[in-house]
């Protein structure tokens, strides 16, 4: 994942959370903390159920927020997961390559210490 893509995804996540927080603060009259909490809980699909929109605009806004926010959230999680897996694969490839070099070196050392079985020089 490029640096630009990561910043774009983080910016989009931050924007969705900020817009959701502001929307619920004004649409439902909740505190900033409750609005932020509801936004994050809804976006992450946890859904504790402690806060529930009561106004029609809050209910409609919640459904729109879920469709838009979950899409962005899912793409971000998928991309960061893909990045983590790729980094792990690269790390494994480096370890395997370095172990291969050490094994080759150890085999070279072992073959140098091994006595020769050349019979023509003994008679």
Protein backbone atom coordinates (compact mmCIF):
# COMPACT_ATOMS: atom_id res chain seq x y z
CA UNK A 1 0.00 0.00 0.00
CA UNK A 2 1.38 3.33 -0.96
CA UNK A 3 1.78 6.12 1.52
CA UNK A 4 -0.73 8.17 -0.44
CA UNK A 5 -3.36 5.41 -0.35
CA UNK A 6 -2.96 4.93 3.39
CA UNK A 7 -3.36 8.65 4.03
CA UNK A 8 -6.39 8.76 1.73
CA UNK A 9 -8.08 5.90 3.57
CA UNK A 10 -7.31 7.38 6.97
CA UNK A 11 -8.60 10.75 5.78
CA UNK A 12 -11.81 9.18 4.51
CA UNK A 13 -12.34 7.31 7.79
CA UNK A 14 -11.70 10.46 9.78
CA UNK A 15 -14.10 12.40 7.55
CA UNK A 16 -16.88 9.83 7.91
CA UNK A 17 -16.50 9.80 11.69
CA UNK A 18 -16.40 13.61 11.83
CA UNK A 19 -19.45 14.04 9.59
CA UNK A 20 -21.36 11.38 11.52
CA UNK A 21 -20.49 12.97 14.84
CA UNK A 22 -21.60 16.43 13.71
CA UNK A 23 -24.77 15.05 12.11
CA UNK A 24 -25.90 13.12 15.18
CA UNK A 25 -25.01 15.99 17.49
CA UNK A 26 -27.39 18.32 15.64
CA UNK A 27 -30.02 15.83 14.40
CA UNK A 28 -30.49 14.05 17.73
CA UNK A 29 -29.30 16.72 20.13
CA UNK A 30 -26.77 14.35 21.69
CA UNK A 31 -23.54 15.49 23.33
CA UNK A 32 -20.39 15.47 21.21
CA UNK A 33 -19.14 12.43 23.07
CA UNK A 34 -22.38 10.50 22.61
CA UNK A 35 -22.50 11.46 18.94
CA UNK A 36 -18.93 10.33 18.42
CA UNK A 37 -19.56 7.12 20.36
CA UNK A 38 -22.68 6.30 18.34
CA UNK A 39 -20.84 7.03 15.09
CA UNK A 40 -17.93 4.72 15.87
CA UNK A 41 -20.12 1.95 17.31
CA UNK A 42 -22.41 2.06 14.27
CA UNK A 43 -19.53 2.26 11.79
CA UNK A 44 -17.76 -0.70 13.37
CA UNK A 45 -21.03 -2.70 13.39
CA UNK A 46 -20.81 -3.30 17.14
CA UNK A 47 -24.14 -1.64 17.86
CA UNK A 48 -24.42 -1.62 21.66
CA UNK A 49 -27.95 -0.23 21.47
CA UNK A 50 -27.38 2.33 24.22
CA UNK A 51 -28.15 5.20 21.86
CA UNK A 52 -30.91 4.98 19.29
CA UNK A 53 -31.94 7.76 16.90
CA UNK A 54 -35.41 9.04 17.80
CA UNK A 55 -36.01 11.67 15.12
CA UNK A 56 -37.02 10.84 11.54
CA UNK A 57 -33.99 12.69 10.15
CA UNK A 58 -31.76 10.81 12.60
CA UNK A 59 -33.18 7.46 11.48
CA UNK A 60 -32.83 8.27 7.78
CA UNK A 61 -29.36 9.70 8.36
CA UNK A 62 -28.36 6.55 10.21
CA UNK A 63 -29.33 4.32 7.30
CA UNK A 64 -27.43 6.50 4.82
CA UNK A 65 -24.47 6.65 7.20
CA UNK A 66 -24.44 2.85 7.52
CA UNK A 67 -24.40 2.28 3.75
CA UNK A 68 -21.76 4.91 3.03
CA UNK A 69 -19.70 4.46 6.19
CA UNK A 70 -19.58 0.68 6.12
CA UNK A 71 -18.35 0.72 2.55
CA UNK A 72 -15.50 3.05 3.41
CA UNK A 73 -14.77 1.20 6.66
CA UNK A 74 -14.71 -2.18 4.87
CA UNK A 75 -12.36 -0.95 2.15
CA UNK A 76 -10.03 0.56 4.75
CA UNK A 77 -9.93 -2.63 6.83
CA UNK A 78 -9.39 -4.74 3.71
CA UNK A 79 -6.55 -2.52 2.48
CA UNK A 80 -4.79 -2.38 5.83
CA UNK A 81 -5.20 -6.15 6.19
CA UNK A 82 -3.76 -6.69 2.72
CA UNK A 83 -0.85 -4.41 3.61
CA UNK A 84 -0.16 -6.34 6.84
CA UNK A 85 -0.27 -9.69 5.03
CA UNK A 86 2.06 -8.44 2.30
CA UNK A 87 4.54 -7.13 4.88
CA UNK A 88 4.47 -10.50 6.63
CA UNK A 89 5.08 -12.31 3.33
CA UNK A 90 8.03 -10.05 2.57
CA UNK A 91 9.43 -10.64 6.04
CA UNK A 92 9.04 -14.42 5.58
CA UNK A 93 10.76 -14.26 2.19
CA UNK A 94 13.68 -12.39 3.73
CA UNK A 95 13.96 -14.92 6.56
CA UNK A 96 13.83 -17.87 4.17
CA UNK A 97 16.43 -16.27 1.93
CA UNK A 98 18.76 -15.57 4.84
CA UNK A 99 18.29 -19.08 6.22
CA UNK A 100 19.03 -20.47 2.79
CA UNK A 101 22.30 -18.52 2.67
CA UNK A 102 23.28 -19.74 6.15
CA UNK A 103 22.44 -23.33 5.23
CA UNK A 104 24.48 -23.09 2.03
CA UNK A 105 27.41 -21.63 3.97
CA UNK A 106 27.13 -24.37 6.61
CA UNK A 107 27.04 -27.05 3.90
CA UNK A 108 30.11 -25.51 2.25
CA UNK A 109 31.94 -25.54 5.58
CA UNK A 110 30.92 -29.16 6.17
CA UNK A 111 32.05 -30.29 2.72
CA UNK A 112 35.48 -28.67 3.26
CA UNK A 113 35.96 -30.60 6.53
CA UNK A 114 34.87 -33.92 5.02
CA UNK A 115 37.79 -36.26 4.23
CA UNK A 116 38.43 -37.01 0.63
CA UNK A 117 37.49 -40.42 -0.75
CA UNK A 118 39.95 -40.14 -3.63
CA UNK A 119 41.54 -43.64 -3.82
CA UNK A 120 44.03 -42.83 -6.56
CA UNK A 121 46.17 -40.70 -4.25
CA UNK A 122 46.42 -43.35 -1.51
CA UNK A 123 48.04 -46.08 -3.68
